[in-house]
Amino acid sequence: MTRKDVILFVERGGLRLDRFLSDKVEGYSRAYLKGLIERGCVLVDGARREPDHRVETGALVKILWPKAAWAQAPFEDWVLHEDPHILVMDKPAGLLMHPLGESWEATPEAALTEREANLAGLLLLRRPAIAASGADRCGLVHRLDKQTSGVLVVAKSPAVQEALLAAFRDRTVHKVYRAVVLGEMGATTVSAPVGRVSGTRRVRVTQWGREAETDFKSLTPRRGLSLVSAEPRTGRTHQIRAHLAAVGHPVLGDAEWFGERERSALHALGLPSPPRMLLHAWRIRFSHPKSGKEVSFTAPLPKDFRDYWRSVKG
């Protein structure tokens, strides 16, 4: 899927370039269009200009939609299962679910012009029929953090998307994660509200949060670390990470919770720094939205995760 360049004629001058574009191009926020200008993707009479440039009557403004350098990502290698109704993927760590701005929700093609690879854009490129069906958000029904790897389900039609969203709301979707955490952790259930405290972005355990519950089970404690299984009973943002941090066992490599003190403790154990946040969505189980039969899909631990745990065992 590619976008044709847009040429606009300035009938009445005087507006800032970013304001002119936001008035003329529907479905994109002014901030998004300002970003395109700053990237040199907007020309005024053939020349690059700044967002605050005042356009003159009679000028021609051209938008050169940037092409995604990440379009050749090995998307098909990540497919675990596909049928006419659902697509199940093994998302790699480092891949954004979707652009951070809002423009892509109103105009999905905006996901294709982002500098950074994102799953929404790849779905537009590799499975355009999903967006064409009318499915919202390119068929996405749940999300994983950028640095979290693992199993992810995509709906291929609006009806299937609604059924899956209802299953998540009704808590009939069962998910299991794997994580490497600091400290030797035993089996426990953490029931504590999580949310953002006013003025901060970090999700944490707080009395002002929403109810959240996670079951944890230690699979293998070793050398002051633990490989744990986490089963969230609710689906709050960053729930597993916040609960683990609250009980003193942060996920290794977690940018929010694994700080200088935790890194010092890790090095004191004679262990190397992790390659990334070691959290992986391992398995998902739910009733298929069409057949009604229970289905289960597993994403094997990725190589960087296995290699790090092997170095700890070594």
C-alpha atoms as a PDB file:
ATOM      1  CA  MET A   1       0.000   0.000   0.000  1.00  0.00           C
ATOM      2  CA  THR A   2       1.479   3.350  -1.080  1.00  0.00           C
ATOM      3  CA  ARG A   3       0.119   6.875  -0.916  1.00  0.00           C
ATOM      4  CA  LYS A   4       0.068   9.356  -3.763  1.00  0.00           C
ATOM      5  CA  ASP A   5       1.727  12.704  -3.200  1.00  0.00           C
ATOM      6  CA  VAL A   6      -0.694  15.564  -2.484  1.00  0.00           C
ATOM      7  CA  ILE A   7      -0.495  18.976  -4.189  1.00  0.00           C
ATOM      8  CA  LEU A   8      -2.442  21.885  -2.684  1.00  0.00           C
ATOM      9  CA  PHE A   9      -3.012  25.350  -4.127  1.00  0.00           C
ATOM     10  CA  VAL A  10      -2.950  28.281  -1.708  1.00  0.00           C
ATOM     11  CA  GLU A  11      -5.976  30.360  -2.586  1.00  0.00           C
ATOM     12  CA  ARG A  12      -5.506  32.816   0.253  1.00  0.00           C
ATOM     13  CA  GLY A  13      -2.163  33.348   1.906  1.00  0.00           C
ATOM     14  CA  GLY A  14      -1.134  34.354   5.407  1.00  0.00           C
ATOM     15  CA  LEU A  15      -1.523  31.131   7.396  1.00  0.00           C
ATOM     16  CA  ARG A  16       1.336  29.239   8.968  1.00  0.00           C
ATOM     17  CA  LEU A  17       2.260  26.213   6.890  1.00  0.00           C
ATOM     18  CA  ASP A  18       1.288  23.716   9.592  1.00  0.00           C
ATOM     19  CA  ARG A  19      -2.062  25.464  10.106  1.00  0.00           C
ATOM     20  CA  PHE A  20      -2.690  25.561   6.343  1.00  0.00           C
ATOM     21  CA  LEU A  21      -2.119  21.803   6.106  1.00  0.00           C
ATOM     22  CA  SER A  22      -4.319  20.996   9.100  1.00  0.00           C
ATOM     23  CA  ASP A  23      -7.144  22.996   7.473  1.00  0.00           C
ATOM     24  CA  LYS A  24      -6.738  21.262   4.118  1.00  0.00           C
ATOM     25  CA  VAL A  25      -5.785  17.665   4.938  1.00  0.00           C
ATOM     26  CA  GLU A  26      -8.444  15.746   6.863  1.00  0.00           C
ATOM     27  CA  GLY A  27      -7.746  12.916   9.260  1.00  0.00           C
ATOM     28  CA  TYR A  28      -4.346  14.129  10.500  1.00  0.00           C
ATOM     29  CA  SER A  29      -3.540  16.114  13.608  1.00  0.00           C
ATOM     30  CA  ARG A  30      -1.671  19.381  13.337  1.00  0.00           C
ATOM     31  CA  ALA A  31       1.167  17.876  15.390  1.00  0.00           C
ATOM     32  CA  TYR A  32       1.497  14.994  12.925  1.00  0.00           C
ATOM     33  CA  LEU A  33       1.567  17.360   9.928  1.00  0.00           C
ATOM     34  CA  LYS A  34       4.094  19.583  11.697  1.00  0.00           C
ATOM     35  CA  GLY A  35       6.299  16.511  12.067  1.00  0.00           C
ATOM     36  CA  LEU A  36       6.103  15.886   8.320  1.00  0.00           C
ATOM     37  CA  ILE A  37       7.178  19.478   7.659  1.00  0.00           C
ATOM     38  CA  GLU A  38      10.126  19.143  10.038  1.00  0.00           C
ATOM     39  CA  ARG A  39      11.172  15.934   8.281  1.00  0.00           C
ATOM     40  CA  GLY A  40      11.315  17.759   4.943  1.00  0.00           C
ATOM     41  CA  CYS A  41       8.303  15.948   3.501  1.00  0.00           C
ATOM     42  CA  VAL A  42       6.439  19.170   2.643  1.00  0.00           C
ATOM     43  CA  LEU A  43       7.599  21.517  -0.118  1.00  0.00           C
ATOM     44  CA  VAL A  44       6.342  25.030  -0.839  1.00  0.00           C
ATOM     45  CA  ASP A  45       6.998  25.923  -4.498  1.00  0.00           C
ATOM     46  CA  GLY A  46       9.625  23.187  -4.482  1.00  0.00           C
ATOM     47  CA  ALA A  47      11.460  24.336  -1.357  1.00  0.00           C
ATOM     48  CA  ARG A  48      11.531  23.034   2.201  1.00  0.00           C
ATOM     49  CA  ARG A  49      10.073  25.384   4.786  1.00  0.00           C
ATOM     50  CA  GLU A  50       9.621  25.550   8.553  1.00  0.00           C
ATOM     51  CA  PRO A  51       6.232  24.922  10.193  1.00  0.00           C
ATOM     52  CA  ASP A  52       5.846  28.649  10.974  1.00  0.00           C
ATOM     53  CA  HIS A  53       6.420  29.705   7.356  1.00  0.00           C
ATOM     54  CA  ARG A  54       3.570  31.945   6.132  1.00  0.00           C
ATOM     55  CA  VAL A  55       2.216  30.597   2.860  1.00  0.00           C
ATOM     56  CA  GLU A  56       1.563  33.103   0.079  1.00  0.00           C
ATOM     57  CA  THR A  57      -1.413  33.284  -2.256  1.00  0.00           C
ATOM     58  CA  GLY A  58      -0.779  31.217  -5.393  1.00  0.00           C
ATOM     59  CA  ALA A  59       1.845  28.958  -3.842  1.00  0.00           C
ATOM     60  CA  LEU A  60       1.846  25.208  -4.458  1.00  0.00           C
ATOM     61  CA  VAL A  61       2.267  23.034  -1.388  1.00  0.00           C
ATOM     62  CA  LYS A  62       3.284  19.424  -1.989  1.00  0.00           C
ATOM     63  CA  ILE A  63       3.195  16.610   0.566  1.00  0.00           C
ATOM     64  CA  LEU A  64       5.678  13.839  -0.202  1.00  0.00           C
ATOM     65  CA  TRP A  65       4.490  10.971   1.952  1.00  0.00           C
ATOM     66  CA  PRO A  66       7.620   9.318   3.406  1.00  0.00           C
ATOM     67  CA  LYS A  67       8.110   5.683   2.551  1.00  0.00           C
ATOM     68  CA  ALA A  68       8.547   3.231   5.386  1.00  0.00           C
ATOM     69  CA  ALA A  69      12.138   2.027   5.498  1.00  0.00           C
ATOM     70  CA  TRP A  70      10.906  -0.861   7.649  1.00  0.00           C
ATOM     71  CA  ALA A  71       8.408  -2.176   5.097  1.00  0.00           C
ATOM     72  CA  GLN A  72      10.569  -5.242   4.412  1.00  0.00           C
ATOM     73  CA  ALA A  73      10.394  -6.539   7.984  1.00  0.00           C
ATOM     74  CA  PRO A  74      10.008 -10.358   8.085  1.00  0.00           C
ATOM     75  CA  PHE A  75       6.305 -10.199   8.898  1.00  0.00           C
ATOM     76  CA  GLU A  76       5.451 -13.707   7.674  1.00  0.00           C
ATOM     77  CA  ASP A  77       8.077 -15.218   9.961  1.00  0.00           C
ATOM     78  CA  TRP A  78       6.091 -13.909  12.928  1.00  0.00           C
ATOM     79  CA  VAL A  79       2.805 -15.601  11.966  1.00  0.00           C
ATOM     80  CA  LEU A  80       1.923 -18.451  14.345  1.00  0.00           C
ATOM     81  CA  HIS A  81      -1.571 -19.135  12.991  1.00  0.00           C
ATOM     82  CA  GLU A  82      -3.938 -17.688  10.444  1.00  0.00           C
ATOM     83  CA  ASP A  83      -7.457 -18.556   9.377  1.00  0.00           C
ATOM     84  CA  PRO A  84     -10.227 -16.509   7.721  1.00  0.00           C
ATOM     85  CA  HIS A  85     -11.092 -14.858  11.051  1.00  0.00           C
ATOM     86  CA  ILE A  86      -7.967 -14.349  13.166  1.00  0.00           C
ATOM     87  CA  LEU A  87      -4.250 -13.773  12.763  1.00  0.00           C
ATOM     88  CA  VAL A  88      -1.994 -14.884  15.626  1.00  0.00           C
ATOM     89  CA  MET A  89       1.502 -13.441  15.717  1.00  0.00           C
ATOM     90  CA  ASP A  90       4.722 -13.731  17.697  1.00  0.00           C
ATOM     91  CA  LYS A  91       5.600 -10.055  18.111  1.00  0.00           C
ATOM     92  CA  PRO A  92       9.342  -9.413  18.394  1.00  0.00           C
ATOM     93  CA  ALA A  93      10.725  -7.212  21.138  1.00  0.00           C
ATOM     94  CA  GLY A  94      11.360  -3.662  19.938  1.00  0.00           C
ATOM     95  CA  LEU A  95       8.342  -3.479  17.634  1.00  0.00           C
ATOM     96  CA  LEU A  96       5.762  -0.792  18.429  1.00  0.00           C
ATOM     97  CA  MET A  97       2.139  -1.858  18.298  1.00  0.00           C
ATOM     98  CA  HIS A  98       1.080   1.370  16.600  1.00  0.00           C
ATOM     99  CA  PRO A  99       2.176   5.016  16.254  1.00  0.00           C
ATOM    100  CA  LEU A 100       2.081   7.066  19.420  1.00  0.00           C
ATOM    101  CA  GLY A 101       0.004   9.897  17.921  1.00  0.00           C
ATOM    102  CA  GLU A 102      -3.717   9.833  17.226  1.00  0.00           C
ATOM    103  CA  SER A 103      -3.700  10.485  13.469  1.00  0.00           C
ATOM    104  CA  TRP A 104      -3.412   6.814  12.565  1.00  0.00           C
ATOM    105  CA  GLU A 105      -6.700   6.014  14.331  1.00  0.00           C
ATOM    106  CA  ALA A 106      -8.621   8.425  12.107  1.00  0.00           C
ATOM    107  CA  THR A 107      -6.481   7.715   9.038  1.00  0.00           C
ATOM    108  CA  PRO A 108      -4.757   4.310   9.333  1.00  0.00           C
ATOM    109  CA  GLU A 109      -2.420   5.099   6.416  1.00  0.00           C
ATOM    110  CA  ALA A 110      -0.599   7.485   8.767  1.00  0.00           C
ATOM    111  CA  ALA A 111       1.007   4.409  10.325  1.00  0.00           C
ATOM    112  CA  LEU A 112       2.879   3.876   7.048  1.00  0.00           C
ATOM    113  CA  THR A 113       4.695   7.198   7.262  1.00  0.00           C
ATOM    114  CA  GLU A 114       6.210   6.732  10.714  1.00  0.00           C
ATOM    115  CA  ARG A 115       9.987   6.642  11.099  1.00  0.00           C
ATOM    116  CA  GLU A 116       9.740   3.646  13.402  1.00  0.00           C
ATOM    117  CA  ALA A 117       8.387   0.225  12.503  1.00  0.00           C
ATOM    118  CA  ASN A 118       4.960  -0.466  13.954  1.00  0.00           C
ATOM    119  CA  LEU A 119       2.632  -3.437  13.729  1.00  0.00           C
ATOM    120  CA  ALA A 120      -0.353  -1.376  12.558  1.00  0.00           C
ATOM    121  CA  GLY A 121       1.624  -0.194   9.552  1.00  0.00           C
ATOM    122  CA  LEU A 122       2.854  -3.696   8.770  1.00  0.00           C
ATOM    123  CA  LEU A 123      -0.713  -4.998   8.912  1.00  0.00           C
ATOM    124  CA  LEU A 124      -1.718  -2.328   6.386  1.00  0.00           C
ATOM    125  CA  LEU A 125       1.087  -3.444   4.106  1.00  0.00           C
ATOM    126  CA  ARG A 126       0.843  -7.210   4.513  1.00  0.00           C
ATOM    127  CA  ARG A 127      -2.853  -7.713   5.349  1.00  0.00           C
ATOM    128  CA  PRO A 128      -4.641  -4.723   3.750  1.00  0.00           C
ATOM    129  CA  ALA A 129      -7.935  -6.641   3.681  1.00  0.00           C
ATOM    130  CA  ILE A 130      -8.210  -6.243   7.477  1.00  0.00           C
ATOM    131  CA  ALA A 131      -8.446  -2.449   7.348  1.00  0.00           C
ATOM    132  CA  ALA A 132     -10.540  -2.674   4.173  1.00  0.00           C
ATOM    133  CA  SER A 133     -13.069  -4.828   6.053  1.00  0.00           C
ATOM    134  CA  GLY A 134     -13.795  -1.910   8.365  1.00  0.00           C
ATOM    135  CA  ALA A 135     -12.007  -3.371  11.395  1.00  0.00           C
ATOM    136  CA  ASP A 136     -10.948  -0.602  13.748  1.00  0.00           C
ATOM    137  CA  ARG A 137      -7.273   0.025  14.593  1.00  0.00           C
ATOM    138  CA  CYS A 138      -6.121  -2.378  11.852  1.00  0.00           C
ATOM    139  CA  GLY A 139      -7.736  -5.279  13.732  1.00  0.00           C
ATOM    140  CA  LEU A 140      -5.759  -4.868  16.975  1.00  0.00           C
ATOM    141  CA  VAL A 141      -7.662  -6.055  20.046  1.00  0.00           C
ATOM    142  CA  HIS A 142      -4.964  -6.007  22.725  1.00  0.00           C
ATOM    143  CA  ARG A 143      -1.420  -4.752  23.044  1.00  0.00           C
ATOM    144  CA  LEU A 144       2.058  -5.614  24.202  1.00  0.00           C
ATOM    145  CA  ASP A 145       4.666  -3.080  25.299  1.00  0.00           C
ATOM    146  CA  LYS A 146       7.314  -2.251  22.733  1.00  0.00           C
ATOM    147  CA  GLN A 147       9.999  -4.247  24.573  1.00  0.00           C
ATOM    148  CA  THR A 148       7.683  -7.172  25.361  1.00  0.00           C
ATOM    149  CA  SER A 149       7.803 -10.060  22.924  1.00  0.00           C
ATOM    150  CA  GLY A 150       5.269 -12.775  22.385  1.00  0.00           C
ATOM    151  CA  VAL A 151       1.865 -13.975  21.266  1.00  0.00           C
ATOM    152  CA  LEU A 152      -0.655 -11.480  19.955  1.00  0.00           C
ATOM    153  CA  VAL A 153      -4.108 -11.885  18.349  1.00  0.00           C
ATOM    154  CA  VAL A 154      -5.436  -9.724  15.483  1.00  0.00           C
ATOM    155  CA  ALA A 155      -9.057  -9.730  14.287  1.00  0.00           C
ATOM    156  CA  LYS A 156      -9.680  -9.873  10.540  1.00  0.00           C
ATOM    157  CA  SER A 157     -13.176  -8.361  10.497  1.00  0.00           C
ATOM    158  CA  PRO A 158     -15.313  -5.990  12.597  1.00  0.00           C
ATOM    159  CA  ALA A 159     -17.537  -8.809  13.902  1.00  0.00           C
ATOM    160  CA  VAL A 160     -14.571 -10.891  15.037  1.00  0.00           C
ATOM    161  CA  GLN A 161     -12.930  -7.820  16.549  1.00  0.00           C
ATOM    162  CA  GLU A 162     -16.018  -7.057  18.616  1.00  0.00           C
ATOM    163  CA  ALA A 163     -16.237 -10.679  19.786  1.00  0.00           C
ATOM    164  CA  LEU A 164     -12.603 -10.686  20.889  1.00  0.00           C
ATOM    165  CA  LEU A 165     -12.888  -7.317  22.606  1.00  0.00           C
ATOM    166  CA  ALA A 166     -15.919  -8.644  24.501  1.00  0.00           C
ATOM    167  CA  ALA A 167     -13.922 -11.721  25.540  1.00  0.00           C
ATOM    168  CA  PHE A 168     -11.156  -9.501  26.925  1.00  0.00           C
ATOM    169  CA  ARG A 169     -13.707  -7.356  28.763  1.00  0.00           C
ATOM    170  CA  ASP A 170     -15.389 -10.463  30.203  1.00  0.00           C
ATOM    171  CA  ARG A 171     -11.996 -11.872  31.240  1.00  0.00           C
ATOM    172  CA  THR A 172     -12.469 -15.114  29.357  1.00  0.00           C
ATOM    173  CA  VAL A 173      -9.100 -14.756  27.623  1.00  0.00           C
ATOM    174  CA  HIS A 174      -6.383 -16.571  29.559  1.00  0.00           C
ATOM    175  CA  LYS A 175      -2.822 -15.254  29.176  1.00  0.00           C
ATOM    176  CA  VAL A 176       0.471 -16.560  30.544  1.00  0.00           C
ATOM    177  CA  TYR A 177       3.726 -14.602  30.524  1.00  0.00           C
ATOM    178  CA  ARG A 178       7.333 -15.495  31.268  1.00  0.00           C
ATOM    179  CA  ALA A 179       9.691 -13.040  32.983  1.00  0.00           C
ATOM    180  CA  VAL A 180      13.132 -12.980  34.544  1.00  0.00           C
ATOM    181  CA  VAL A 181      13.028 -10.998  37.782  1.00  0.00           C
ATOM    182  CA  LEU A 182      15.463  -9.848  40.415  1.00  0.00           C
ATOM    183  CA  GLY A 183      15.490 -11.975  43.560  1.00  0.00           C
ATOM    184  CA  GLU A 184      14.335 -15.499  44.333  1.00  0.00           C
ATOM    185  CA  MET A 185      10.568 -15.253  44.137  1.00  0.00           C
ATOM    186  CA  GLY A 186       8.048 -17.780  45.397  1.00  0.00           C
ATOM    187  CA  ALA A 187       4.488 -18.423  44.274  1.00  0.00           C
ATOM    188  CA  THR A 188       2.183 -15.563  45.157  1.00  0.00           C
ATOM    189  CA  THR A 189      -0.951 -13.714  44.074  1.00  0.00           C
ATOM    190  CA  VAL A 190      -0.753  -9.929  43.968  1.00  0.00           C
ATOM    191  CA  SER A 191      -4.103  -8.168  44.236  1.00  0.00           C
ATOM    192  CA  ALA A 192      -3.481  -4.432  44.186  1.00  0.00           C
ATOM    193  CA  PRO A 193      -4.904  -1.544  42.123  1.00  0.00           C
ATOM    194  CA  VAL A 194      -2.660  -0.075  39.453  1.00  0.00           C
ATOM    195  CA  GLY A 195      -2.806   3.215  37.594  1.00  0.00           C
ATOM    196  CA  ARG A 196      -1.027   6.468  36.844  1.00  0.00           C
ATOM    197  CA  VAL A 197      -0.585   8.995  39.636  1.00  0.00           C
ATOM    198  CA  SER A 198      -1.541  12.509  38.568  1.00  0.00           C
ATOM    199  CA  GLY A 199       1.377  14.270  36.884  1.00  0.00           C
ATOM    200  CA  THR A 200       3.329  11.104  36.082  1.00  0.00           C
ATOM    201  CA  ARG A 201       3.374   8.585  33.242  1.00  0.00           C
ATOM    202  CA  ARG A 202       4.581   5.578  35.204  1.00  0.00           C
ATOM    203  CA  VAL A 203       1.954   2.965  36.029  1.00  0.00           C
ATOM    204  CA  ARG A 204       2.287   1.807  39.621  1.00  0.00           C
ATOM    205  CA  VAL A 205       0.384   0.253  42.481  1.00  0.00           C
ATOM    206  CA  THR A 206      -1.764   3.050  43.875  1.00  0.00           C
ATOM    207  CA  GLN A 207      -4.978   3.320  45.847  1.00  0.00           C
ATOM    208  CA  TRP A 208      -6.328   5.537  43.053  1.00  0.00           C
ATOM    209  CA  GLY A 209      -5.799   2.854  40.407  1.00  0.00           C
ATOM    210  CA  ARG A 210      -8.120   0.201  39.008  1.00  0.00           C
ATOM    211  CA  GLU A 211      -8.416  -3.253  40.524  1.00  0.00           C
ATOM    212  CA  ALA A 212      -5.780  -5.668  39.257  1.00  0.00           C
ATOM    213  CA  GLU A 213      -4.776  -9.201  40.133  1.00  0.00           C
ATOM    214  CA  THR A 214      -1.886 -11.381  38.951  1.00  0.00           C
ATOM    215  CA  ASP A 215      -0.882 -14.928  39.879  1.00  0.00           C
ATOM    216  CA  PHE A 216       2.875 -15.565  39.957  1.00  0.00           C
ATOM    217  CA  LYS A 217       4.665 -18.893  40.054  1.00  0.00           C
ATOM    218  CA  SER A 218       8.399 -19.415  40.285  1.00  0.00           C
ATOM    219  CA  LEU A 219       9.654 -21.792  37.609  1.00  0.00           C
ATOM    220  CA  THR A 220      13.389 -21.681  38.275  1.00  0.00           C
ATOM    221  CA  PRO A 221      15.207 -19.584  40.902  1.00  0.00           C
ATOM    222  CA  ARG A 222      18.925 -19.311  40.184  1.00  0.00           C
ATOM    223  CA  ARG A 223      21.841 -17.154  41.338  1.00  0.00           C
ATOM    224  CA  GLY A 224      19.632 -14.493  42.875  1.00  0.00           C
ATOM    225  CA  LEU A 225      17.206 -14.310  39.949  1.00  0.00           C
ATOM    226  CA  SER A 226      13.977 -16.121  39.114  1.00  0.00           C
ATOM    227  CA  LEU A 227      12.303 -17.241  35.931  1.00  0.00           C
ATOM    228  CA  VAL A 228       8.625 -16.759  36.738  1.00  0.00           C
ATOM    229  CA  SER A 229       5.252 -17.453  35.185  1.00  0.00           C
ATOM    230  CA  ALA A 230       2.717 -14.612  35.397  1.00  0.00           C
ATOM    231  CA  GLU A 231      -1.016 -15.049  34.809  1.00  0.00           C
ATOM    232  CA  PRO A 232      -2.937 -11.744  34.876  1.00  0.00           C
ATOM    233  CA  ARG A 233      -6.540 -12.093  36.001  1.00  0.00           C
ATOM    234  CA  THR A 234      -7.275  -8.545  34.872  1.00  0.00           C
ATOM    235  CA  GLY A 235      -5.961  -6.648  31.873  1.00  0.00           C
ATOM    236  CA  ARG A 236      -4.576  -3.361  33.173  1.00  0.00           C
ATOM    237  CA  THR A 237      -1.799  -1.502  31.385  1.00  0.00           C
ATOM    238  CA  HIS A 238       1.655  -2.547  32.683  1.00  0.00           C
ATOM    239  CA  GLN A 239      -0.045  -4.653  35.359  1.00  0.00           C
ATOM    240  CA  ILE A 240       2.547  -7.439  35.530  1.00  0.00           C
ATOM    241  CA  ARG A 241       5.470  -5.013  35.645  1.00  0.00           C
ATOM    242  CA  ALA A 242       3.857  -2.846  38.326  1.00  0.00           C
ATOM    243  CA  HIS A 243       2.907  -5.823  40.500  1.00  0.00           C
ATOM    244  CA  LEU A 244       6.389  -7.359  40.300  1.00  0.00           C
ATOM    245  CA  ALA A 245       8.019  -4.045  41.184  1.00  0.00           C
ATOM    246  CA  ALA A 246       5.610  -3.584  44.100  1.00  0.00           C
ATOM    247  CA  VAL A 247       6.666  -6.880  45.692  1.00  0.00           C
ATOM    248  CA  GLY A 248      10.378  -6.172  45.203  1.00  0.00           C
ATOM    249  CA  HIS A 249      11.024  -8.345  42.136  1.00  0.00           C
ATOM    250  CA  PRO A 250      11.253  -5.990  39.130  1.00  0.00           C
ATOM    251  CA  VAL A 251      11.579  -7.415  35.636  1.00  0.00           C
ATOM    252  CA  LEU A 252      15.172  -7.313  34.444  1.00  0.00           C
ATOM    253  CA  GLY A 253      15.713  -4.502  31.957  1.00  0.00           C
ATOM    254  CA  ASP A 254      12.439  -2.715  32.752  1.00  0.00           C
ATOM    255  CA  ALA A 255      13.158   0.948  31.987  1.00  0.00           C
ATOM    256  CA  GLU A 256      10.592   2.088  34.573  1.00  0.00           C
ATOM    257  CA  TRP A 257      11.519  -0.131  37.501  1.00  0.00           C
ATOM    258  CA  PHE A 258      14.999  -1.575  36.952  1.00  0.00           C
ATOM    259  CA  GLY A 259      17.132   1.405  37.942  1.00  0.00           C
ATOM    260  CA  GLU A 260      20.666   2.033  39.154  1.00  0.00           C
ATOM    261  CA  ARG A 261      20.136   0.274  42.474  1.00  0.00           C
ATOM    262  CA  GLU A 262      18.783  -2.840  40.751  1.00  0.00           C
ATOM    263  CA  ARG A 263      21.594  -2.815  38.185  1.00  0.00           C
ATOM    264  CA  SER A 264      24.142  -2.599  40.999  1.00  0.00           C
ATOM    265  CA  ALA A 265      22.500  -5.559  42.733  1.00  0.00           C
ATOM    266  CA  LEU A 266      22.631  -7.535  39.480  1.00  0.00           C
ATOM    267  CA  HIS A 267      26.312  -6.786  38.950  1.00  0.00           C
ATOM    268  CA  ALA A 268      27.055  -7.652  42.581  1.00  0.00           C
ATOM    269  CA  LEU A 269      25.739 -11.119  41.741  1.00  0.00           C
ATOM    270  CA  GLY A 270      28.305 -11.297  38.949  1.00  0.00           C
ATOM    271  CA  LEU A 271      25.614 -11.282  36.273  1.00  0.00           C
ATOM    272  CA  PRO A 272      25.549  -9.347  32.984  1.00  0.00           C
ATOM    273  CA  SER A 273      23.035  -6.697  32.031  1.00  0.00           C
ATOM    274  CA  PRO A 274      20.015  -8.062  30.144  1.00  0.00           C
ATOM    275  CA  PRO A 275      19.668  -7.344  26.405  1.00  0.00           C
ATOM    276  CA  ARG A 276      16.224  -5.776  26.950  1.00  0.00           C
ATOM    277  CA  MET A 277      13.212  -6.052  29.244  1.00  0.00           C
ATOM    278  CA  LEU A 278      12.866  -9.795  29.821  1.00  0.00           C
ATOM    279  CA  LEU A 279       9.091 -10.118  29.630  1.00  0.00           C
ATOM    280  CA  HIS A 280       7.458 -12.443  27.096  1.00  0.00           C
ATOM    281  CA  ALA A 281       3.800 -13.213  26.340  1.00  0.00           C
ATOM    282  CA  TRP A 282       4.126 -16.987  26.230  1.00  0.00           C
ATOM    283  CA  ARG A 283       0.639 -18.390  25.758  1.00  0.00           C
ATOM    284  CA  ILE A 284      -2.922 -17.224  25.084  1.00  0.00           C
ATOM    285  CA  ARG A 285      -6.139 -19.275  25.299  1.00  0.00           C
ATOM    286  CA  PHE A 286      -9.669 -18.248  24.316  1.00  0.00           C
ATOM    287  CA  SER A 287     -12.813 -19.419  22.552  1.00  0.00           C
ATOM    288  CA  HIS A 288     -12.504 -19.001  18.801  1.00  0.00           C
ATOM    289  CA  PRO A 289     -14.909 -16.186  17.845  1.00  0.00           C
ATOM    290  CA  LYS A 290     -16.443 -18.232  15.007  1.00  0.00           C
ATOM    291  CA  SER A 291     -16.262 -21.912  15.977  1.00  0.00           C
ATOM    292  CA  GLY A 292     -16.653 -21.363  19.721  1.00  0.00           C
ATOM    293  CA  LYS A 293     -14.014 -24.041  20.337  1.00  0.00           C
ATOM    294  CA  GLU A 294     -11.245 -23.323  22.802  1.00  0.00           C
ATOM    295  CA  VAL A 295      -7.935 -22.563  21.069  1.00  0.00           C
ATOM    296  CA  SER A 296      -4.482 -22.043  22.522  1.00  0.00           C
ATOM    297  CA  PHE A 297      -1.372 -20.519  20.944  1.00  0.00           C
ATOM    298  CA  THR A 298       2.179 -20.454  22.288  1.00  0.00           C
ATOM    299  CA  ALA A 299       5.105 -18.240  21.305  1.00  0.00           C
ATOM    300  CA  PRO A 300       8.434 -19.902  22.195  1.00  0.00           C
ATOM    301  CA  LEU A 301      10.892 -17.874  24.239  1.00  0.00           C
ATOM    302  CA  PRO A 302      12.984 -15.800  21.808  1.00  0.00           C
ATOM    303  CA  LYS A 303      16.709 -16.342  21.396  1.00  0.00           C
ATOM    304  CA  ASP A 304      17.871 -13.279  23.351  1.00  0.00           C
ATOM    305  CA  PHE A 305      15.705 -14.329  26.300  1.00  0.00           C
ATOM    306  CA  ARG A 306      16.947 -17.952  26.182  1.00  0.00           C
ATOM    307  CA  ASP A 307      20.572 -16.907  25.783  1.00  0.00           C
ATOM    308  CA  TYR A 308      20.452 -14.623  28.799  1.00  0.00           C
ATOM    309  CA  TRP A 309      18.857 -17.232  31.042  1.00  0.00           C
ATOM    310  CA  ARG A 310      21.381 -19.783  29.803  1.00  0.00           C
ATOM    311  CA  SER A 311      24.197 -17.408  30.808  1.00  0.00           C
ATOM    312  CA  VAL A 312      22.684 -17.189  34.295  1.00  0.00           C
ATOM    313  CA  LYS A 313      22.474 -20.958  34.532  1.00  0.00           C
ATOM    314  CA  GLY A 314      26.020 -21.272  33.169  1.00  0.00           C
END
